[in-house]
Amino acid sequence: MALPECATTGEKVWYVVFRLICAAIFLFLIGPLLVIIPLSFNAEPYFTFTPEMLSFDPAGYSLRWYDDFFTSEAWQTAVKNSVIVAIASTLLATVLGTIAALGLSSRYMPYKDAIMAILISPMIVPLIISAAAMFFFFSRFQLTQTYVGVILAHTALGIPFVVITVTATLSGFDHSLTRASASLGANPVQTFFKVVLPLVTPGVISGALFAFITSFDEVVVVLFIAGPEQTTLPIQMWSGIREEISPTILAAATLLVVLSIALLTTLEFLRRRSAKMRGIEE
């Protein structure tokens, strides 16, 4: 917003200072990406800018690390594992989180605050503690070093995002619609699929995307739960940094950044659509 003509000197100074602070924070957050993305095109196996890159010599740039990423069996296996685990855990988290949010939205639900606190606790408890707890719990059922164990662990981490987004969507839900549906002869299942679900779909999809991103980027829990056969893309990147430093890691990181931007853009579109459906002006 532009400053009004009647703004005082102090307001004008704060107007400029505030925007400088926002710009500094933005550069602090985006700075690593501005370094990683160009380095992923480095023709040399270095993590620094070569003289050819600094002089914008085409010989200093190459797609060799992207080629290595898409042709390496280890990297492709890690991508496959990440996709399998992320999709499976997202489906479970979306179903369970949506059911929980619907229950919490009911006016007859007792102890709502306590139940909500328990459901979102994986977002609050330090991840290293959650990972250790999951390891000891899953080991009793021989679920460590299995795909099932990794999927269940990621599901637990994804459920809070679904619960929060669907609950936020339901906060503006007109419950008289469900009563009207029942008065017209619809049973609860028909009411859910024909009345409730279409209205909360933006929140459900938003929660599912958050759960997918959380699963796809998770490292700590996988270090505790997964075995060699369940190596995911973040674990492959972690191992590459520790054991074999290669710019292929930068190519993988750049692709993850692109994926994250695409998903976040979709989330913003869904947020605006949900706000429009609820009659909220942006």
C-alpha atoms as a PDB file:
ATOM      1  CA  MET A   1       0.000   0.000   0.000  1.00  0.00           C
ATOM      2  CA  ALA A   2       1.214   3.467  -0.859  1.00  0.00           C
ATOM      3  CA  LEU A   3       1.697   6.032   1.878  1.00  0.00           C
ATOM      4  CA  PRO A   4      -0.982   8.694   2.169  1.00  0.00           C
ATOM      5  CA  GLU A   5       0.059  12.250   1.418  1.00  0.00           C
ATOM      6  CA  CYS A   6      -0.553  13.239   5.032  1.00  0.00           C
ATOM      7  CA  ALA A   7       1.968  10.678   6.395  1.00  0.00           C
ATOM      8  CA  THR A   8       4.392  12.005   8.979  1.00  0.00           C
ATOM      9  CA  THR A   9       8.169  11.846   8.645  1.00  0.00           C
ATOM     10  CA  GLY A  10       8.305   8.968  11.119  1.00  0.00           C
ATOM     11  CA  GLU A  11       5.727   7.002   9.118  1.00  0.00           C
ATOM     12  CA  LYS A  12       7.681   7.579   5.917  1.00  0.00           C
ATOM     13  CA  VAL A  13      10.904   6.391   7.541  1.00  0.00           C
ATOM     14  CA  TRP A  14       9.201   3.286   8.945  1.00  0.00           C
ATOM     15  CA  TYR A  15       7.657   2.628   5.522  1.00  0.00           C
ATOM     16  CA  VAL A  16      11.130   2.439   3.975  1.00  0.00           C
ATOM     17  CA  VAL A  17      12.772   0.602   6.898  1.00  0.00           C
ATOM     18  CA  PHE A  18      10.017  -2.012   7.036  1.00  0.00           C
ATOM     19  CA  ARG A  19      10.448  -2.832   3.348  1.00  0.00           C
ATOM     20  CA  LEU A  20      14.220  -3.039   3.740  1.00  0.00           C
ATOM     21  CA  ILE A  21      13.755  -5.496   6.624  1.00  0.00           C
ATOM     22  CA  CYS A  22      11.352  -7.604   4.542  1.00  0.00           C
ATOM     23  CA  ALA A  23      13.814  -7.584   1.620  1.00  0.00           C
ATOM     24  CA  ALA A  24      16.684  -8.649   3.914  1.00  0.00           C
ATOM     25  CA  ILE A  25      14.603 -11.529   5.344  1.00  0.00           C
ATOM     26  CA  PHE A  26      13.603 -12.596   1.845  1.00  0.00           C
ATOM     27  CA  LEU A  27      17.231 -12.636   0.666  1.00  0.00           C
ATOM     28  CA  PHE A  28      18.243 -14.574   3.790  1.00  0.00           C
ATOM     29  CA  LEU A  29      15.641 -17.255   3.033  1.00  0.00           C
ATOM     30  CA  ILE A  30      16.138 -17.395  -0.722  1.00  0.00           C
ATOM     31  CA  GLY A  31      19.938 -17.003  -0.660  1.00  0.00           C
ATOM     32  CA  PRO A  32      20.783 -20.748  -0.477  1.00  0.00           C
ATOM     33  CA  LEU A  33      18.575 -21.422  -3.497  1.00  0.00           C
ATOM     34  CA  LEU A  34      20.342 -18.705  -5.478  1.00  0.00           C
ATOM     35  CA  VAL A  35      23.592 -20.602  -4.852  1.00  0.00           C
ATOM     36  CA  ILE A  36      22.415 -24.207  -5.251  1.00  0.00           C
ATOM     37  CA  ILE A  37      20.545 -23.842  -8.528  1.00  0.00           C
ATOM     38  CA  PRO A  38      23.427 -22.347 -10.579  1.00  0.00           C
ATOM     39  CA  LEU A  39      25.946 -24.770  -9.062  1.00  0.00           C
ATOM     40  CA  SER A  40      23.840 -27.723 -10.210  1.00  0.00           C
ATOM     41  CA  PHE A  41      24.823 -26.771 -13.774  1.00  0.00           C
ATOM     42  CA  ASN A  42      28.553 -26.754 -12.987  1.00  0.00           C
ATOM     43  CA  ALA A  43      30.592 -28.623 -15.599  1.00  0.00           C
ATOM     44  CA  GLU A  44      33.234 -29.469 -12.996  1.00  0.00           C
ATOM     45  CA  PRO A  45      32.806 -31.733  -9.935  1.00  0.00           C
ATOM     46  CA  TYR A  46      33.099 -28.814  -7.522  1.00  0.00           C
ATOM     47  CA  PHE A  47      30.778 -27.112  -5.075  1.00  0.00           C
ATOM     48  CA  THR A  48      32.159 -23.687  -5.958  1.00  0.00           C
ATOM     49  CA  PHE A  49      31.756 -21.321  -8.877  1.00  0.00           C
ATOM     50  CA  THR A  50      34.514 -21.885 -11.408  1.00  0.00           C
ATOM     51  CA  PRO A  51      36.108 -19.004 -13.360  1.00  0.00           C
ATOM     52  CA  GLU A  52      34.228 -20.193 -16.459  1.00  0.00           C
ATOM     53  CA  MET A  53      30.914 -19.961 -14.613  1.00  0.00           C
ATOM     54  CA  LEU A  54      31.674 -16.513 -13.233  1.00  0.00           C
ATOM     55  CA  SER A  55      32.557 -15.294 -16.732  1.00  0.00           C
ATOM     56  CA  PHE A  56      29.387 -16.930 -18.140  1.00  0.00           C
ATOM     57  CA  ASP A  57      31.429 -19.112 -20.449  1.00  0.00           C
ATOM     58  CA  PRO A  58      29.123 -21.832 -21.899  1.00  0.00           C
ATOM     59  CA  ALA A  59      31.944 -24.341 -21.378  1.00  0.00           C
ATOM     60  CA  GLY A  60      31.557 -23.886 -17.621  1.00  0.00           C
ATOM     61  CA  TYR A  61      27.960 -25.103 -17.625  1.00  0.00           C
ATOM     62  CA  SER A  62      26.688 -28.622 -18.160  1.00  0.00           C
ATOM     63  CA  LEU A  63      23.748 -30.952 -17.551  1.00  0.00           C
ATOM     64  CA  ARG A  64      26.034 -33.824 -16.591  1.00  0.00           C
ATOM     65  CA  TRP A  65      24.804 -33.949 -13.000  1.00  0.00           C
ATOM     66  CA  TYR A  66      21.174 -34.086 -14.089  1.00  0.00           C
ATOM     67  CA  ASP A  67      22.115 -36.873 -16.475  1.00  0.00           C
ATOM     68  CA  ASP A  68      23.810 -38.688 -13.598  1.00  0.00           C
ATOM     69  CA  PHE A  69      20.696 -38.226 -11.457  1.00  0.00           C
ATOM     70  CA  PHE A  70      18.341 -39.706 -14.066  1.00  0.00           C
ATOM     71  CA  THR A  71      20.653 -42.555 -15.102  1.00  0.00           C
ATOM     72  CA  SER A  72      22.017 -43.641 -11.711  1.00  0.00           C
ATOM     73  CA  GLU A  73      20.301 -46.733 -10.324  1.00  0.00           C
ATOM     74  CA  ALA A  74      20.861 -45.596  -6.734  1.00  0.00           C
ATOM     75  CA  TRP A  75      19.234 -42.211  -7.296  1.00  0.00           C
ATOM     76  CA  GLN A  76      16.318 -43.620  -9.261  1.00  0.00           C
ATOM     77  CA  THR A  77      15.680 -46.290  -6.622  1.00  0.00           C
ATOM     78  CA  ALA A  78      15.633 -43.559  -3.981  1.00  0.00           C
ATOM     79  CA  VAL A  79      13.160 -41.514  -6.045  1.00  0.00           C
ATOM     80  CA  LYS A  80      10.933 -44.572  -6.504  1.00  0.00           C
ATOM     81  CA  ASN A  81      10.960 -45.299  -2.778  1.00  0.00           C
ATOM     82  CA  SER A  82      10.165 -41.659  -1.961  1.00  0.00           C
ATOM     83  CA  VAL A  83       7.226 -41.601  -4.371  1.00  0.00           C
ATOM     84  CA  ILE A  84       5.820 -44.910  -3.084  1.00  0.00           C
ATOM     85  CA  VAL A  85       6.116 -43.914   0.567  1.00  0.00           C
ATOM     86  CA  ALA A  86       4.845 -40.368  -0.019  1.00  0.00           C
ATOM     87  CA  ILE A  87       1.769 -41.449  -1.986  1.00  0.00           C
ATOM     88  CA  ALA A  88       0.829 -44.234   0.433  1.00  0.00           C
ATOM     89  CA  SER A  89       1.336 -42.113   3.554  1.00  0.00           C
ATOM     90  CA  THR A  90      -0.504 -39.172   1.965  1.00  0.00           C
ATOM     91  CA  LEU A  91      -3.551 -41.318   1.215  1.00  0.00           C
ATOM     92  CA  LEU A  92      -3.627 -42.697   4.758  1.00  0.00           C
ATOM     93  CA  ALA A  93      -3.030 -39.302   6.367  1.00  0.00           C
ATOM     94  CA  THR A  94      -5.707 -37.667   4.216  1.00  0.00           C
ATOM     95  CA  VAL A  95      -8.369 -40.245   5.065  1.00  0.00           C
ATOM     96  CA  LEU A  96      -7.575 -40.393   8.787  1.00  0.00           C
ATOM     97  CA  GLY A  97      -7.032 -36.646   9.125  1.00  0.00           C
ATOM     98  CA  THR A  98     -10.276 -35.798   7.336  1.00  0.00           C
ATOM     99  CA  ILE A  99     -12.256 -38.202   9.533  1.00  0.00           C
ATOM    100  CA  ALA A 100     -10.660 -36.681  12.641  1.00  0.00           C
ATOM    101  CA  ALA A 101     -11.402 -33.127  11.474  1.00  0.00           C
ATOM    102  CA  LEU A 102     -15.037 -34.011  10.782  1.00  0.00           C
ATOM    103  CA  GLY A 103     -15.349 -35.459  14.261  1.00  0.00           C
ATOM    104  CA  LEU A 104     -13.742 -32.406  15.860  1.00  0.00           C
ATOM    105  CA  SER A 105     -16.105 -30.095  13.970  1.00  0.00           C
ATOM    106  CA  SER A 106     -19.112 -31.692  15.647  1.00  0.00           C
ATOM    107  CA  ARG A 107     -20.625 -29.636  18.442  1.00  0.00           C
ATOM    108  CA  TYR A 108     -21.227 -32.821  20.438  1.00  0.00           C
ATOM    109  CA  MET A 109     -17.556 -33.895  20.444  1.00  0.00           C
ATOM    110  CA  PRO A 110     -16.211 -33.930  24.033  1.00  0.00           C
ATOM    111  CA  TYR A 111     -12.658 -32.901  24.963  1.00  0.00           C
ATOM    112  CA  LYS A 112     -12.046 -31.244  21.586  1.00  0.00           C
ATOM    113  CA  ASP A 113      -9.024 -29.250  22.753  1.00  0.00           C
ATOM    114  CA  ALA A 114      -7.311 -32.268  24.293  1.00  0.00           C
ATOM    115  CA  ILE A 115      -7.913 -34.423  21.207  1.00  0.00           C
ATOM    116  CA  MET A 116      -6.692 -31.658  18.891  1.00  0.00           C
ATOM    117  CA  ALA A 117      -3.544 -31.241  20.988  1.00  0.00           C
ATOM    118  CA  ILE A 118      -2.816 -34.963  20.697  1.00  0.00           C
ATOM    119  CA  LEU A 119      -3.434 -35.006  16.948  1.00  0.00           C
ATOM    120  CA  ILE A 120      -1.114 -32.086  16.213  1.00  0.00           C
ATOM    121  CA  SER A 121       1.551 -33.169  18.714  1.00  0.00           C
ATOM    122  CA  PRO A 122       3.848 -34.537  15.951  1.00  0.00           C
ATOM    123  CA  MET A 123       4.205 -30.927  14.763  1.00  0.00           C
ATOM    124  CA  ILE A 124       5.148 -29.705  18.253  1.00  0.00           C
ATOM    125  CA  VAL A 125       7.291 -32.489  19.701  1.00  0.00           C
ATOM    126  CA  PRO A 126      10.918 -32.319  18.488  1.00  0.00           C
ATOM    127  CA  LEU A 127      11.288 -34.634  15.521  1.00  0.00           C
ATOM    128  CA  ILE A 128      14.243 -36.511  17.002  1.00  0.00           C
ATOM    129  CA  ILE A 129      12.070 -37.491  19.991  1.00  0.00           C
ATOM    130  CA  SER A 130       9.219 -38.617  17.734  1.00  0.00           C
ATOM    131  CA  ALA A 131      11.649 -40.628  15.612  1.00  0.00           C
ATOM    132  CA  ALA A 132      13.169 -42.367  18.632  1.00  0.00           C
ATOM    133  CA  ALA A 133       9.719 -43.132  20.057  1.00  0.00           C
ATOM    134  CA  MET A 134       8.549 -44.556  16.730  1.00  0.00           C
ATOM    135  CA  PHE A 135      11.659 -46.697  16.484  1.00  0.00           C
ATOM    136  CA  PHE A 136      11.137 -48.309  19.899  1.00  0.00           C
ATOM    137  CA  PHE A 137       7.390 -48.724  19.305  1.00  0.00           C
ATOM    138  CA  PHE A 138       7.709 -50.167  15.787  1.00  0.00           C
ATOM    139  CA  SER A 139      10.568 -52.464  16.761  1.00  0.00           C
ATOM    140  CA  ARG A 140       8.227 -54.316  19.124  1.00  0.00           C
ATOM    141  CA  PHE A 141       6.074 -55.214  16.118  1.00  0.00           C
ATOM    142  CA  GLN A 142       9.026 -55.837  13.775  1.00  0.00           C
ATOM    143  CA  LEU A 143       8.064 -52.887  11.575  1.00  0.00           C
ATOM    144  CA  THR A 144      11.502 -51.292  11.465  1.00  0.00           C
ATOM    145  CA  GLN A 145      13.374 -51.590   8.160  1.00  0.00           C
ATOM    146  CA  THR A 146      10.089 -52.221   6.351  1.00  0.00           C
ATOM    147  CA  TYR A 147       8.040 -50.154   3.918  1.00  0.00           C
ATOM    148  CA  VAL A 148       5.008 -50.507   6.180  1.00  0.00           C
ATOM    149  CA  GLY A 149       6.891 -49.002   9.108  1.00  0.00           C
ATOM    150  CA  VAL A 150       8.159 -46.045   7.065  1.00  0.00           C
ATOM    151  CA  ILE A 151       4.698 -45.403   5.609  1.00  0.00           C
ATOM    152  CA  LEU A 152       3.034 -45.511   9.046  1.00  0.00           C
ATOM    153  CA  ALA A 153       5.668 -43.158  10.475  1.00  0.00           C
ATOM    154  CA  HIS A 154       5.161 -40.667   7.645  1.00  0.00           C
ATOM    155  CA  THR A 155       1.400 -40.992   8.060  1.00  0.00           C
ATOM    156  CA  ALA A 156       1.706 -39.939  11.694  1.00  0.00           C
ATOM    157  CA  LEU A 157       3.700 -36.877  10.618  1.00  0.00           C
ATOM    158  CA  GLY A 158       1.233 -35.954   7.874  1.00  0.00           C
ATOM    159  CA  ILE A 159      -2.039 -36.280   9.792  1.00  0.00           C
ATOM    160  CA  PRO A 160      -1.654 -32.957  11.702  1.00  0.00           C
ATOM    161  CA  PHE A 161      -1.471 -30.987   8.449  1.00  0.00           C
ATOM    162  CA  VAL A 162      -4.665 -32.588   7.149  1.00  0.00           C
ATOM    163  CA  VAL A 163      -6.475 -32.053  10.452  1.00  0.00           C
ATOM    164  CA  ILE A 164      -5.535 -28.372  10.582  1.00  0.00           C
ATOM    165  CA  THR A 165      -6.419 -27.543   6.972  1.00  0.00           C
ATOM    166  CA  VAL A 166      -9.706 -29.463   6.954  1.00  0.00           C
ATOM    167  CA  THR A 167     -10.695 -28.040  10.360  1.00  0.00           C
ATOM    168  CA  ALA A 168      -9.991 -24.527   9.068  1.00  0.00           C
ATOM    169  CA  THR A 169     -12.190 -25.211   6.035  1.00  0.00           C
ATOM    170  CA  LEU A 170     -14.976 -26.599   8.222  1.00  0.00           C
ATOM    171  CA  SER A 171     -14.891 -23.493  10.435  1.00  0.00           C
ATOM    172  CA  GLY A 172     -16.955 -21.686   7.805  1.00  0.00           C
ATOM    173  CA  PHE A 173     -19.154 -24.650   6.989  1.00  0.00           C
ATOM    174  CA  ASP A 174     -22.903 -24.119   7.295  1.00  0.00           C
ATOM    175  CA  HIS A 175     -24.177 -27.157   9.200  1.00  0.00           C
ATOM    176  CA  SER A 176     -27.742 -26.319   8.237  1.00  0.00           C
ATOM    177  CA  LEU A 177     -26.880 -27.836   4.851  1.00  0.00           C
ATOM    178  CA  THR A 178     -26.466 -31.270   6.417  1.00  0.00           C
ATOM    179  CA  ARG A 179     -29.781 -30.904   8.234  1.00  0.00           C
ATOM    180  CA  ALA A 180     -31.436 -29.864   4.992  1.00  0.00           C
ATOM    181  CA  SER A 181     -29.929 -32.887   3.251  1.00  0.00           C
ATOM    182  CA  ALA A 182     -31.231 -35.193   5.978  1.00  0.00           C
ATOM    183  CA  SER A 183     -34.697 -33.625   5.772  1.00  0.00           C
ATOM    184  CA  LEU A 184     -34.752 -34.440   2.061  1.00  0.00           C
ATOM    185  CA  GLY A 185     -34.142 -38.121   2.775  1.00  0.00           C
ATOM    186  CA  ALA A 186     -30.381 -38.408   2.322  1.00  0.00           C
ATOM    187  CA  ASN A 187     -28.525 -40.771   4.649  1.00  0.00           C
ATOM    188  CA  PRO A 188     -25.253 -39.705   6.360  1.00  0.00           C
ATOM    189  CA  VAL A 189     -23.089 -41.298   3.657  1.00  0.00           C
ATOM    190  CA  GLN A 190     -24.942 -39.524   0.853  1.00  0.00           C
ATOM    191  CA  THR A 191     -24.794 -36.254   2.785  1.00  0.00           C
ATOM    192  CA  PHE A 192     -21.063 -36.568   3.219  1.00  0.00           C
ATOM    193  CA  PHE A 193     -20.254 -37.301  -0.429  1.00  0.00           C
ATOM    194  CA  LYS A 194     -22.799 -34.930  -1.997  1.00  0.00           C
ATOM    195  CA  VAL A 195     -22.800 -32.005   0.454  1.00  0.00           C
ATOM    196  CA  VAL A 196     -19.856 -31.980   2.855  1.00  0.00           C
ATOM    197  CA  LEU A 197     -17.020 -33.351   0.732  1.00  0.00           C
ATOM    198  CA  PRO A 198     -17.444 -30.957  -2.242  1.00  0.00           C
ATOM    199  CA  LEU A 199     -17.252 -27.985   0.141  1.00  0.00           C
ATOM    200  CA  VAL A 200     -14.212 -29.185   2.089  1.00  0.00           C
ATOM    201  CA  THR A 201     -12.325 -30.563  -0.926  1.00  0.00           C
ATOM    202  CA  PRO A 202      -9.931 -27.553  -1.133  1.00  0.00           C
ATOM    203  CA  GLY A 203      -8.930 -28.106   2.490  1.00  0.00           C
ATOM    204  CA  VAL A 204      -8.557 -31.849   1.983  1.00  0.00           C
ATOM    205  CA  ILE A 205      -6.348 -31.389  -1.068  1.00  0.00           C
ATOM    206  CA  SER A 206      -4.279 -28.721   0.692  1.00  0.00           C
ATOM    207  CA  GLY A 207      -3.706 -31.024   3.650  1.00  0.00           C
ATOM    208  CA  ALA A 208      -2.821 -33.881   1.315  1.00  0.00           C
ATOM    209  CA  LEU A 209      -0.230 -31.736  -0.464  1.00  0.00           C
ATOM    210  CA  PHE A 210       1.308 -30.674   2.854  1.00  0.00           C
ATOM    211  CA  ALA A 211       1.429 -34.322   3.932  1.00  0.00           C
ATOM    212  CA  PHE A 212       3.052 -35.275   0.619  1.00  0.00           C
ATOM    213  CA  ILE A 213       5.727 -32.579   0.943  1.00  0.00           C
ATOM    214  CA  THR A 214       6.399 -33.575   4.561  1.00  0.00           C
ATOM    215  CA  SER A 215       6.838 -37.223   3.585  1.00  0.00           C
ATOM    216  CA  PHE A 216       8.942 -36.507   0.514  1.00  0.00           C
ATOM    217  CA  ASP A 217      11.368 -34.290   2.460  1.00  0.00           C
ATOM    218  CA  GLU A 218      11.581 -36.331   5.679  1.00  0.00           C
ATOM    219  CA  VAL A 219      15.060 -37.406   6.826  1.00  0.00           C
ATOM    220  CA  VAL A 220      15.184 -37.913  10.600  1.00  0.00           C
ATOM    221  CA  VAL A 221      12.390 -40.482  10.943  1.00  0.00           C
ATOM    222  CA  VAL A 222      13.654 -42.450   7.947  1.00  0.00           C
ATOM    223  CA  LEU A 223      17.129 -42.626   9.500  1.00  0.00           C
ATOM    224  CA  PHE A 224      15.580 -44.371  12.515  1.00  0.00           C
ATOM    225  CA  ILE A 225      12.928 -46.533  10.835  1.00  0.00           C
ATOM    226  CA  ALA A 226      14.138 -47.396   7.332  1.00  0.00           C
ATOM    227  CA  GLY A 227      16.658 -49.981   6.225  1.00  0.00           C
ATOM    228  CA  PRO A 228      18.940 -50.057   3.166  1.00  0.00           C
ATOM    229  CA  GLU A 229      16.094 -51.176   0.900  1.00  0.00           C
ATOM    230  CA  GLN A 230      13.893 -48.247   1.964  1.00  0.00           C
ATOM    231  CA  THR A 231      16.401 -45.510   1.115  1.00  0.00           C
ATOM    232  CA  THR A 232      14.483 -42.396   0.099  1.00  0.00           C
ATOM    233  CA  LEU A 233      15.673 -39.389  -1.901  1.00  0.00           C
ATOM    234  CA  PRO A 234      16.503 -37.208   1.146  1.00  0.00           C
ATOM    235  CA  ILE A 235      18.434 -40.121   2.695  1.00  0.00           C
ATOM    236  CA  GLN A 236      20.327 -40.625  -0.571  1.00  0.00           C
ATOM    237  CA  MET A 237      21.240 -36.935  -0.516  1.00  0.00           C
ATOM    238  CA  TRP A 238      22.280 -37.204   3.142  1.00  0.00           C
ATOM    239  CA  SER A 239      24.442 -40.242   2.404  1.00  0.00           C
ATOM    240  CA  GLY A 240      25.948 -38.516  -0.625  1.00  0.00           C
ATOM    241  CA  ILE A 241      27.061 -35.558   1.472  1.00  0.00           C
ATOM    242  CA  ARG A 242      28.651 -37.834   4.091  1.00  0.00           C
ATOM    243  CA  GLU A 243      30.228 -40.470   1.854  1.00  0.00           C
ATOM    244  CA  GLU A 244      30.628 -39.218  -1.693  1.00  0.00           C
ATOM    245  CA  ILE A 245      30.387 -35.493  -2.299  1.00  0.00           C
ATOM    246  CA  SER A 246      29.013 -35.051  -5.800  1.00  0.00           C
ATOM    247  CA  PRO A 247      27.187 -32.147  -7.491  1.00  0.00           C
ATOM    248  CA  THR A 248      24.462 -34.669  -8.311  1.00  0.00           C
ATOM    249  CA  ILE A 249      23.141 -33.731  -4.872  1.00  0.00           C
ATOM    250  CA  LEU A 250      22.711 -30.167  -6.126  1.00  0.00           C
ATOM    251  CA  ALA A 251      20.758 -31.386  -9.158  1.00  0.00           C
ATOM    252  CA  ALA A 252      18.477 -33.415  -6.882  1.00  0.00           C
ATOM    253  CA  ALA A 253      18.036 -30.411  -4.583  1.00  0.00           C
ATOM    254  CA  THR A 254      17.122 -28.182  -7.530  1.00  0.00           C
ATOM    255  CA  LEU A 255      14.496 -30.658  -8.703  1.00  0.00           C
ATOM    256  CA  LEU A 256      13.046 -30.784  -5.180  1.00  0.00           C
ATOM    257  CA  VAL A 257      12.880 -26.986  -5.130  1.00  0.00           C
ATOM    258  CA  VAL A 258      10.972 -26.995  -8.419  1.00  0.00           C
ATOM    259  CA  LEU A 259       8.597 -29.642  -7.061  1.00  0.00           C
ATOM    260  CA  SER A 260       8.032 -27.672  -3.856  1.00  0.00           C
ATOM    261  CA  ILE A 261       7.317 -24.459  -5.773  1.00  0.00           C
ATOM    262  CA  ALA A 262       4.796 -26.256  -7.973  1.00  0.00           C
ATOM    263  CA  LEU A 263       3.031 -27.769  -4.952  1.00  0.00           C
ATOM    264  CA  LEU A 264       3.010 -24.475  -3.029  1.00  0.00           C
ATOM    265  CA  THR A 265       1.567 -22.700  -6.060  1.00  0.00           C
ATOM    266  CA  THR A 266      -1.185 -25.303  -6.131  1.00  0.00           C
ATOM    267  CA  LEU A 267      -1.795 -24.763  -2.411  1.00  0.00           C
ATOM    268  CA  GLU A 268      -2.163 -21.021  -2.906  1.00  0.00           C
ATOM    269  CA  PHE A 269      -4.623 -21.587  -5.738  1.00  0.00           C
ATOM    270  CA  LEU A 270      -6.667 -23.922  -3.545  1.00  0.00           C
ATOM    271  CA  ARG A 271      -6.553 -21.450  -0.645  1.00  0.00           C
ATOM    272  CA  ARG A 272      -7.957 -18.699  -2.834  1.00  0.00           C
ATOM    273  CA  ARG A 273     -10.609 -21.039  -4.209  1.00  0.00           C
ATOM    274  CA  SER A 274     -11.616 -22.092  -0.704  1.00  0.00           C
ATOM    275  CA  ALA A 275     -11.809 -18.457   0.419  1.00  0.00           C
ATOM    276  CA  LYS A 276     -13.940 -17.611  -2.618  1.00  0.00           C
ATOM    277  CA  MET A 277     -16.294 -20.501  -1.888  1.00  0.00           C
ATOM    278  CA  ARG A 278     -16.747 -19.232   1.676  1.00  0.00           C
ATOM    279  CA  GLY A 279     -17.395 -15.685   0.424  1.00  0.00           C
ATOM    280  CA  ILE A 280     -14.158 -14.209   1.777  1.00  0.00           C
ATOM    281  CA  GLU A 281     -12.745 -11.382  -0.295  1.00  0.00           C
ATOM    282  CA  GLU A 282      -8.959 -11.363  -0.822  1.00  0.00           C
END
